[in-house]
Amino acid sequence: MKVLSLFDGISCGMIALERAGIKVDRYKAYEIDENAIAVSKKNYPQIEHSGNVFDAKYVAGEFDLLIGGSPCTYWSIAKTDGKRETTSQGLGFDLFMQYVRALKEANPKYFLYENNFSISKDIKSEISKELGVEPLMINSALVSGQNRKRCYWTNIPEVKAPEN
């Protein structure tokens, strides 16, 4: 499988694919955090690190799967400075739209987008509209020691919440 990962962090997408037993032939990552990139490079030297999503160029059909979750920093209820974004205006949505651009330009067979459950209903609605699918809410507590609700938008067939 050829994977395009936006907002890659420490390459948790690669970890998940490995644990699921999915063979990854190519993994191209867009990430700007130097510490996250360093961890990724240490664990997965074969990953192609490509920098900032705003500078990305995509070729249609080059990847089978697009994964990512734009930073929730701007949308999270944990934002306490009074500048939480609750509409499709602002840097948070601009970052999400880079995912949409990648989806349109790269045209992969499958996509999986993830973000925080606490984002506003308006933003969730706009994400659903842009991606053409409704989110599936999964609480991380079902598969880990962390109690954290997440939303997943995907066109991968038969995806459902895991058993507790």
N, C-alpha and C. Protein backbone atom coordinates (compact mmCIF):
# COMPACT_ATOMS: atom_id res chain seq x y z
N MET A 1 0.84 -1.17 0.00
CA MET A 1 0.00 0.00 0.00
C MET A 1 0.89 1.24 0.00
N LYS A 2 0.48 2.24 -0.76
CA LYS A 2 1.18 3.52 -0.81
C LYS A 2 0.36 4.53 -0.02
N VAL A 3 1.00 5.13 1.01
CA VAL A 3 0.29 5.97 1.98
C VAL A 3 0.82 7.40 1.94
N LEU A 4 -0.13 8.33 1.95
CA LEU A 4 0.18 9.76 2.08
C LEU A 4 -0.37 10.18 3.43
N SER A 5 0.49 10.71 4.30
CA SER A 5 0.09 11.09 5.65
C SER A 5 0.34 12.58 5.86
N LEU A 6 -0.73 13.31 6.17
CA LEU A 6 -0.61 14.73 6.47
C LEU A 6 -0.69 14.94 7.97
N PHE A 7 0.03 15.94 8.46
CA PHE A 7 0.07 16.23 9.89
C PHE A 7 0.51 14.96 10.61
N ASP A 8 1.60 14.39 10.14
CA ASP A 8 2.03 13.04 10.47
C ASP A 8 2.49 12.83 11.91
N GLY A 9 2.91 13.89 12.60
CA GLY A 9 3.38 13.69 13.97
C GLY A 9 4.55 12.74 14.01
N ILE A 10 4.50 11.77 14.91
CA ILE A 10 5.57 10.78 15.04
C ILE A 10 5.29 9.53 14.20
N SER A 11 4.42 9.66 13.22
CA SER A 11 4.08 8.58 12.28
C SER A 11 3.25 7.48 12.93
N CYS A 12 2.28 7.88 13.74
CA CYS A 12 1.38 6.90 14.35
C CYS A 12 0.57 6.15 13.30
N GLY A 13 0.38 6.76 12.14
CA GLY A 13 -0.30 6.06 11.04
C GLY A 13 0.48 4.83 10.63
N MET A 14 1.79 4.95 10.55
CA MET A 14 2.63 3.80 10.20
C MET A 14 2.55 2.74 11.28
N ILE A 15 2.54 3.16 12.53
CA ILE A 15 2.41 2.21 13.64
C ILE A 15 1.09 1.44 13.51
N ALA A 16 0.00 2.15 13.28
CA ALA A 16 -1.32 1.51 13.16
C ALA A 16 -1.36 0.55 11.99
N LEU A 17 -0.80 0.94 10.85
CA LEU A 17 -0.80 0.06 9.68
C LEU A 17 0.02 -1.20 9.96
N GLU A 18 1.16 -1.05 10.61
CA GLU A 18 1.97 -2.21 10.98
C GLU A 18 1.19 -3.15 11.89
N ARG A 19 0.55 -2.58 12.93
CA ARG A 19 -0.21 -3.40 13.88
C ARG A 19 -1.39 -4.09 13.23
N ALA A 20 -1.93 -3.47 12.18
CA ALA A 20 -3.05 -4.08 11.45
C ALA A 20 -2.57 -5.10 10.43
N GLY A 21 -1.25 -5.25 10.29
CA GLY A 21 -0.70 -6.22 9.36
C GLY A 21 -0.78 -5.78 7.90
N ILE A 22 -0.87 -4.48 7.67
CA ILE A 22 -0.96 -3.95 6.31
C ILE A 22 0.44 -3.59 5.82
N LYS A 23 0.84 -4.20 4.72
CA LYS A 23 2.17 -3.96 4.16
C LYS A 23 2.19 -2.57 3.51
N VAL A 24 3.16 -1.78 3.92
CA VAL A 24 3.31 -0.42 3.39
C VAL A 24 4.53 -0.41 2.47
N ASP A 25 4.28 -0.16 1.19
CA ASP A 25 5.36 -0.09 0.21
C ASP A 25 5.99 1.30 0.15
N ARG A 26 5.17 2.30 0.43
CA ARG A 26 5.66 3.69 0.41
C ARG A 26 4.84 4.49 1.41
N TYR A 27 5.51 5.37 2.14
CA TYR A 27 4.85 6.22 3.13
C TYR A 27 5.47 7.60 3.01
N LYS A 28 4.68 8.55 2.55
CA LYS A 28 5.14 9.93 2.40
C LYS A 28 4.45 10.77 3.46
N ALA A 29 5.23 11.52 4.24
CA ALA A 29 4.70 12.25 5.38
C ALA A 29 4.93 13.75 5.25
N TYR A 30 3.91 14.49 5.62
CA TYR A 30 4.02 15.94 5.75
C TYR A 30 3.87 16.30 7.22
N GLU A 31 4.89 16.94 7.75
CA GLU A 31 4.93 17.33 9.16
C GLU A 31 5.95 18.46 9.29
N ILE A 32 5.71 19.41 10.21
CA ILE A 32 6.67 20.50 10.39
C ILE A 32 7.33 20.52 11.77
N ASP A 33 6.82 19.74 12.71
CA ASP A 33 7.40 19.74 14.05
C ASP A 33 8.71 18.94 14.03
N GLU A 34 9.81 19.61 14.31
CA GLU A 34 11.13 18.98 14.24
C GLU A 34 11.29 17.79 15.18
N ASN A 35 10.74 17.89 16.39
CA ASN A 35 10.86 16.79 17.35
C ASN A 35 10.08 15.57 16.88
N ALA A 36 8.88 15.79 16.36
CA ALA A 36 8.08 14.68 15.85
C ALA A 36 8.78 14.02 14.67
N ILE A 37 9.34 14.82 13.79
CA ILE A 37 10.06 14.28 12.63
C ILE A 37 11.26 13.46 13.08
N ALA A 38 11.97 13.93 14.09
CA ALA A 38 13.14 13.20 14.61
C ALA A 38 12.74 11.83 15.14
N VAL A 39 11.63 11.76 15.87
CA VAL A 39 11.14 10.47 16.38
C VAL A 39 10.77 9.56 15.22
N SER A 40 10.03 10.11 14.25
CA SER A 40 9.63 9.33 13.09
C SER A 40 10.83 8.78 12.34
N LYS A 41 11.82 9.63 12.09
CA LYS A 41 13.02 9.20 11.35
C LYS A 41 13.78 8.10 12.08
N LYS A 42 13.82 8.20 13.42
CA LYS A 42 14.51 7.19 14.21
C LYS A 42 13.81 5.83 14.09
N ASN A 43 12.48 5.85 14.18
CA ASN A 43 11.71 4.61 14.15
C ASN A 43 11.45 4.08 12.74
N TYR A 44 11.36 4.98 11.77
CA TYR A 44 11.01 4.60 10.40
C TYR A 44 11.87 5.37 9.40
N PRO A 45 13.12 4.99 9.24
CA PRO A 45 14.00 5.72 8.33
C PRO A 45 13.55 5.68 6.87
N GLN A 46 12.68 4.74 6.52
CA GLN A 46 12.23 4.62 5.14
C GLN A 46 11.15 5.64 4.76
N ILE A 47 10.58 6.33 5.74
CA ILE A 47 9.52 7.31 5.45
C ILE A 47 10.11 8.50 4.70
N GLU A 48 9.37 8.96 3.69
CA GLU A 48 9.75 10.16 2.94
C GLU A 48 9.15 11.37 3.66
N HIS A 49 10.00 12.20 4.23
CA HIS A 49 9.53 13.41 4.92
C HIS A 49 9.56 14.58 3.95
N SER A 50 8.41 15.26 3.85
CA SER A 50 8.26 16.25 2.79
C SER A 50 7.92 17.65 3.26
N GLY A 51 7.92 17.91 4.57
CA GLY A 51 7.76 19.27 5.05
C GLY A 51 6.34 19.75 5.24
N ASN A 52 6.10 20.97 4.80
CA ASN A 52 4.86 21.70 5.08
C ASN A 52 3.76 21.37 4.06
N VAL A 53 2.56 21.07 4.55
CA VAL A 53 1.45 20.72 3.65
C VAL A 53 1.08 21.86 2.71
N PHE A 54 1.32 23.09 3.12
CA PHE A 54 0.99 24.23 2.25
C PHE A 54 1.87 24.26 1.00
N ASP A 55 3.03 23.60 1.06
CA ASP A 55 3.95 23.55 -0.08
C ASP A 55 3.83 22.27 -0.89
N ALA A 56 2.94 21.37 -0.49
CA ALA A 56 2.85 20.05 -1.10
C ALA A 56 2.35 20.10 -2.53
N LYS A 57 2.87 19.19 -3.34
CA LYS A 57 2.40 18.95 -4.71
C LYS A 57 2.01 17.48 -4.79
N TYR A 58 0.85 17.20 -5.34
CA TYR A 58 0.35 15.83 -5.40
C TYR A 58 0.13 15.40 -6.85
N VAL A 59 0.27 14.10 -7.08
CA VAL A 59 0.01 13.51 -8.38
C VAL A 59 -1.16 12.54 -8.22
N ALA A 60 -2.17 12.69 -9.05
CA ALA A 60 -3.37 11.84 -8.96
C ALA A 60 -2.99 10.37 -9.13
N GLY A 61 -3.53 9.54 -8.24
CA GLY A 61 -3.33 8.10 -8.31
C GLY A 61 -2.02 7.60 -7.74
N GLU A 62 -1.20 8.49 -7.19
CA GLU A 62 0.11 8.09 -6.67
C GLU A 62 0.01 7.32 -5.36
N PHE A 63 -1.10 7.54 -4.60
CA PHE A 63 -1.25 6.90 -3.29
C PHE A 63 -2.58 6.15 -3.20
N ASP A 64 -2.58 5.08 -2.41
CA ASP A 64 -3.78 4.29 -2.18
C ASP A 64 -4.60 4.82 -1.01
N LEU A 65 -3.91 5.41 -0.03
CA LEU A 65 -4.54 5.83 1.21
C LEU A 65 -4.02 7.19 1.64
N LEU A 66 -4.95 8.09 1.97
CA LEU A 66 -4.62 9.38 2.57
C LEU A 66 -5.07 9.33 4.02
N ILE A 67 -4.16 9.62 4.94
CA ILE A 67 -4.51 9.65 6.36
C ILE A 67 -4.09 11.00 6.94
N GLY A 68 -4.72 11.37 8.03
CA GLY A 68 -4.31 12.59 8.71
C GLY A 68 -5.37 13.14 9.63
N GLY A 69 -4.94 14.02 10.47
CA GLY A 69 -5.81 14.75 11.36
C GLY A 69 -5.18 16.10 11.60
N SER A 70 -5.75 17.12 10.99
CA SER A 70 -5.16 18.45 11.14
C SER A 70 -5.15 18.85 12.62
N PRO A 71 -4.21 19.71 13.02
CA PRO A 71 -4.10 20.09 14.43
C PRO A 71 -5.42 20.59 15.01
N CYS A 72 -5.80 20.03 16.15
CA CYS A 72 -7.06 20.42 16.79
C CYS A 72 -6.86 21.62 17.72
N THR A 73 -5.66 22.11 17.80
CA THR A 73 -5.32 23.22 18.68
C THR A 73 -6.30 24.38 18.59
N TYR A 74 -6.72 24.68 17.39
CA TYR A 74 -7.58 25.85 17.15
C TYR A 74 -9.04 25.57 17.49
N TRP A 75 -9.44 24.30 17.52
CA TRP A 75 -10.84 23.91 17.69
C TRP A 75 -11.15 23.31 19.05
N SER A 76 -10.15 22.97 19.82
CA SER A 76 -10.33 22.20 21.05
C SER A 76 -10.98 23.01 22.17
N ILE A 77 -11.80 22.32 22.98
CA ILE A 77 -12.38 22.95 24.17
C ILE A 77 -11.31 23.25 25.21
N ALA A 78 -10.13 22.64 25.04
CA ALA A 78 -9.02 22.90 25.96
C ALA A 78 -8.38 24.27 25.71
N LYS A 79 -8.72 24.89 24.61
CA LYS A 79 -8.18 26.22 24.30
C LYS A 79 -8.80 27.23 25.26
N THR A 80 -8.00 27.80 26.10
CA THR A 80 -8.52 28.65 27.18
C THR A 80 -8.27 30.14 26.97
N ASP A 81 -7.71 30.53 25.84
CA ASP A 81 -7.39 31.94 25.63
C ASP A 81 -8.54 32.73 25.01
N GLY A 82 -9.72 32.08 24.86
CA GLY A 82 -10.87 32.75 24.27
C GLY A 82 -10.84 32.83 22.76
N LYS A 83 -9.87 32.17 22.14
CA LYS A 83 -9.73 32.24 20.69
C LYS A 83 -10.06 30.91 20.01
N ARG A 84 -10.87 30.08 20.64
CA ARG A 84 -11.28 28.81 20.06
C ARG A 84 -12.11 29.08 18.80
N GLU A 85 -11.74 28.42 17.72
CA GLU A 85 -12.47 28.57 16.47
C GLU A 85 -13.66 27.61 16.46
N THR A 86 -14.84 28.12 16.15
CA THR A 86 -16.05 27.29 16.14
C THR A 86 -16.75 27.32 14.79
N THR A 87 -16.14 27.97 13.81
CA THR A 87 -16.71 28.01 12.45
C THR A 87 -15.61 27.64 11.46
N SER A 88 -15.99 27.59 10.21
CA SER A 88 -15.03 27.22 9.16
C SER A 88 -14.20 28.41 8.69
N GLN A 89 -13.90 29.29 9.62
CA GLN A 89 -13.02 30.44 9.37
C GLN A 89 -11.81 30.30 10.27
N GLY A 90 -10.64 30.65 9.78
CA GLY A 90 -9.45 30.64 10.62
C GLY A 90 -8.44 29.59 10.20
N LEU A 91 -7.31 29.60 10.90
CA LEU A 91 -6.20 28.72 10.54
C LEU A 91 -6.54 27.24 10.70
N GLY A 92 -7.34 26.90 11.72
CA GLY A 92 -7.73 25.50 11.89
C GLY A 92 -8.40 24.94 10.65
N PHE A 93 -9.33 25.69 10.09
CA PHE A 93 -10.02 25.21 8.90
C PHE A 93 -9.13 25.30 7.67
N ASP A 94 -8.24 26.29 7.61
CA ASP A 94 -7.28 26.37 6.51
C ASP A 94 -6.41 25.12 6.47
N LEU A 95 -5.99 24.65 7.65
CA LEU A 95 -5.20 23.43 7.72
C LEU A 95 -6.02 22.23 7.26
N PHE A 96 -7.25 22.12 7.73
CA PHE A 96 -8.12 21.03 7.28
C PHE A 96 -8.28 21.06 5.76
N MET A 97 -8.42 22.25 5.18
CA MET A 97 -8.61 22.35 3.73
C MET A 97 -7.38 21.88 2.96
N GLN A 98 -6.22 21.84 3.59
CA GLN A 98 -5.05 21.24 2.95
C GLN A 98 -5.24 19.73 2.81
N TYR A 99 -5.93 19.14 3.78
CA TYR A 99 -6.27 17.72 3.68
C TYR A 99 -7.23 17.52 2.50
N VAL A 100 -8.23 18.38 2.39
CA VAL A 100 -9.20 18.30 1.28
C VAL A 100 -8.48 18.47 -0.05
N ARG A 101 -7.55 19.41 -0.12
CA ARG A 101 -6.78 19.60 -1.36
C ARG A 101 -6.01 18.33 -1.72
N ALA A 102 -5.37 17.72 -0.72
CA ALA A 102 -4.63 16.47 -0.96
C ALA A 102 -5.57 15.38 -1.46
N LEU A 103 -6.75 15.30 -0.85
CA LEU A 103 -7.73 14.29 -1.26
C LEU A 103 -8.14 14.48 -2.72
N LYS A 104 -8.40 15.72 -3.11
CA LYS A 104 -8.82 16.01 -4.48
C LYS A 104 -7.68 15.82 -5.49
N GLU A 105 -6.51 16.31 -5.14
CA GLU A 105 -5.40 16.26 -6.09
C GLU A 105 -4.75 14.88 -6.17
N ALA A 106 -4.53 14.24 -5.04
CA ALA A 106 -3.89 12.92 -5.03
C ALA A 106 -4.87 11.82 -5.43
N ASN A 107 -6.15 12.05 -5.15
CA ASN A 107 -7.22 11.12 -5.53
C ASN A 107 -6.93 9.66 -5.13
N PRO A 108 -6.64 9.43 -3.84
CA PRO A 108 -6.39 8.06 -3.40
C PRO A 108 -7.69 7.25 -3.38
N LYS A 109 -7.55 5.95 -3.36
CA LYS A 109 -8.73 5.08 -3.30
C LYS A 109 -9.44 5.25 -1.95
N TYR A 110 -8.67 5.37 -0.88
CA TYR A 110 -9.24 5.46 0.48
C TYR A 110 -8.71 6.69 1.22
N PHE A 111 -9.49 7.14 2.18
CA PHE A 111 -9.03 8.20 3.06
C PHE A 111 -9.54 7.96 4.47
N LEU A 112 -8.80 8.49 5.44
CA LEU A 112 -9.20 8.46 6.85
C LEU A 112 -8.75 9.78 7.46
N TYR A 113 -9.73 10.54 7.94
CA TYR A 113 -9.43 11.82 8.60
C TYR A 113 -9.91 11.72 10.04
N GLU A 114 -9.11 12.23 10.97
CA GLU A 114 -9.41 12.13 12.40
C GLU A 114 -9.32 13.51 13.03
N ASN A 115 -10.21 13.76 14.00
CA ASN A 115 -10.09 14.96 14.82
C ASN A 115 -10.85 14.78 16.11
N ASN A 116 -10.74 15.78 16.95
CA ASN A 116 -11.28 15.78 18.30
C ASN A 116 -12.82 15.85 18.30
N PHE A 117 -13.46 15.05 19.11
CA PHE A 117 -14.92 15.05 19.23
C PHE A 117 -15.46 16.39 19.71
N SER A 118 -14.67 17.13 20.47
CA SER A 118 -15.15 18.37 21.07
C SER A 118 -15.22 19.55 20.10
N ILE A 119 -14.80 19.36 18.85
CA ILE A 119 -14.91 20.47 17.90
C ILE A 119 -16.39 20.82 17.72
N SER A 120 -16.66 22.04 17.34
CA SER A 120 -18.05 22.51 17.25
C SER A 120 -18.86 21.74 16.21
N LYS A 121 -20.17 21.74 16.40
CA LYS A 121 -21.07 21.08 15.45
C LYS A 121 -20.93 21.68 14.06
N ASP A 122 -20.75 23.00 13.98
CA ASP A 122 -20.58 23.66 12.68
C ASP A 122 -19.35 23.15 11.95
N ILE A 123 -18.25 23.01 12.65
CA ILE A 123 -17.03 22.51 12.02
C ILE A 123 -17.20 21.05 11.61
N LYS A 124 -17.77 20.22 12.48
CA LYS A 124 -18.03 18.82 12.12
C LYS A 124 -18.88 18.74 10.86
N SER A 125 -19.90 19.58 10.80
CA SER A 125 -20.79 19.60 9.64
C SER A 125 -20.04 19.99 8.37
N GLU A 126 -19.18 20.99 8.46
CA GLU A 126 -18.40 21.43 7.30
C GLU A 126 -17.41 20.34 6.86
N ILE A 127 -16.79 19.66 7.83
CA ILE A 127 -15.87 18.57 7.50
C ILE A 127 -16.64 17.47 6.77
N SER A 128 -17.81 17.11 7.29
CA SER A 128 -18.63 16.07 6.66
C SER A 128 -19.01 16.47 5.25
N LYS A 129 -19.36 17.73 5.07
CA LYS A 129 -19.73 18.23 3.75
C LYS A 129 -18.55 18.14 2.78
N GLU A 130 -17.39 18.55 3.22
CA GLU A 130 -16.20 18.53 2.37
C GLU A 130 -15.76 17.11 2.02
N LEU A 131 -15.88 16.19 2.98
CA LEU A 131 -15.40 14.82 2.76
C LEU A 131 -16.48 13.88 2.22
N GLY A 132 -17.74 14.30 2.32
CA GLY A 132 -18.83 13.50 1.76
C GLY A 132 -19.22 12.30 2.59
N VAL A 133 -18.81 12.26 3.85
CA VAL A 133 -19.17 11.16 4.76
C VAL A 133 -19.40 11.73 6.15
N GLU A 134 -20.17 11.01 6.96
CA GLU A 134 -20.41 11.40 8.35
C GLU A 134 -19.34 10.77 9.24
N PRO A 135 -19.04 11.40 10.38
CA PRO A 135 -18.00 10.85 11.25
C PRO A 135 -18.49 9.67 12.09
N LEU A 136 -17.55 8.84 12.46
CA LEU A 136 -17.76 7.77 13.41
C LEU A 136 -17.02 8.18 14.68
N MET A 137 -17.73 8.24 15.81
CA MET A 137 -17.08 8.60 17.07
C MET A 137 -16.58 7.33 17.74
N ILE A 138 -15.33 7.35 18.13
CA ILE A 138 -14.73 6.23 18.85
C ILE A 138 -14.01 6.81 20.06
N ASN A 139 -14.31 6.27 21.23
CA ASN A 139 -13.60 6.69 22.44
C ASN A 139 -12.32 5.86 22.54
N SER A 140 -11.20 6.54 22.69
CA SER A 140 -9.91 5.85 22.79
C SER A 140 -9.87 4.85 23.94
N ALA A 141 -10.75 5.03 24.92
CA ALA A 141 -10.79 4.11 26.07
C ALA A 141 -11.14 2.69 25.64
N LEU A 142 -11.73 2.52 24.46
CA LEU A 142 -12.05 1.18 23.98
C LEU A 142 -10.81 0.37 23.64
N VAL A 143 -9.72 1.05 23.31
CA VAL A 143 -8.52 0.35 22.86
C VAL A 143 -7.25 0.79 23.59
N SER A 144 -7.38 1.71 24.56
CA SER A 144 -6.19 2.19 25.26
C SER A 144 -6.57 2.64 26.67
N GLY A 145 -5.61 3.14 27.40
CA GLY A 145 -5.84 3.64 28.75
C GLY A 145 -6.29 5.10 28.77
N GLN A 146 -6.50 5.66 27.62
CA GLN A 146 -6.86 7.08 27.52
C GLN A 146 -8.35 7.23 27.23
N ASN A 147 -9.05 8.03 28.02
CA ASN A 147 -10.47 8.29 27.82
C ASN A 147 -10.60 9.57 26.99
N ARG A 148 -10.72 9.42 25.68
CA ARG A 148 -10.72 10.57 24.79
C ARG A 148 -11.54 10.26 23.54
N LYS A 149 -12.63 10.97 23.35
CA LYS A 149 -13.49 10.75 22.19
C LYS A 149 -12.87 11.40 20.95
N ARG A 150 -12.87 10.65 19.85
CA ARG A 150 -12.32 11.11 18.59
C ARG A 150 -13.36 10.86 17.49
N CYS A 151 -13.32 11.68 16.46
CA CYS A 151 -14.19 11.50 15.29
C CYS A 151 -13.33 11.05 14.11
N TYR A 152 -13.87 10.09 13.36
CA TYR A 152 -13.17 9.57 12.18
C TYR A 152 -14.11 9.67 10.98
N TRP A 153 -13.61 10.26 9.92
CA TRP A 153 -14.33 10.33 8.65
C TRP A 153 -13.55 9.45 7.68
N THR A 154 -14.23 8.51 7.03
CA THR A 154 -13.52 7.61 6.12
C THR A 154 -14.44 7.05 5.04
N ASN A 155 -13.84 6.65 3.95
CA ASN A 155 -14.56 5.93 2.91
C ASN A 155 -14.13 4.46 2.88
N ILE A 156 -13.38 4.03 3.88
CA ILE A 156 -12.97 2.63 3.96
C ILE A 156 -14.21 1.81 4.32
N PRO A 157 -14.54 0.80 3.52
CA PRO A 157 -15.77 0.04 3.76
C PRO A 157 -15.77 -0.69 5.10
N GLU A 158 -16.94 -0.78 5.69
CA GLU A 158 -17.21 -1.59 6.87
C GLU A 158 -16.41 -1.19 8.11
N VAL A 159 -16.02 0.05 8.23
CA VAL A 159 -15.34 0.52 9.43
C VAL A 159 -16.38 0.75 10.51
N LYS A 160 -16.12 0.23 11.70
CA LYS A 160 -17.05 0.42 12.82
C LYS A 160 -16.25 0.54 14.11
N ALA A 161 -16.91 0.96 15.16
CA ALA A 161 -16.23 1.12 16.45
C ALA A 161 -15.76 -0.25 16.95
N PRO A 162 -14.57 -0.30 17.56
CA PRO A 162 -14.07 -1.56 18.09
C PRO A 162 -14.83 -1.99 19.35
N GLU A 163 -14.73 -3.25 19.65
CA GLU A 163 -15.30 -3.78 20.89
C GLU A 163 -14.47 -3.26 22.06
N ASN A 164 -15.10 -3.13 23.22
CA ASN A 164 -14.39 -2.69 24.41
C ASN A 164 -13.46 -3.82 24.87
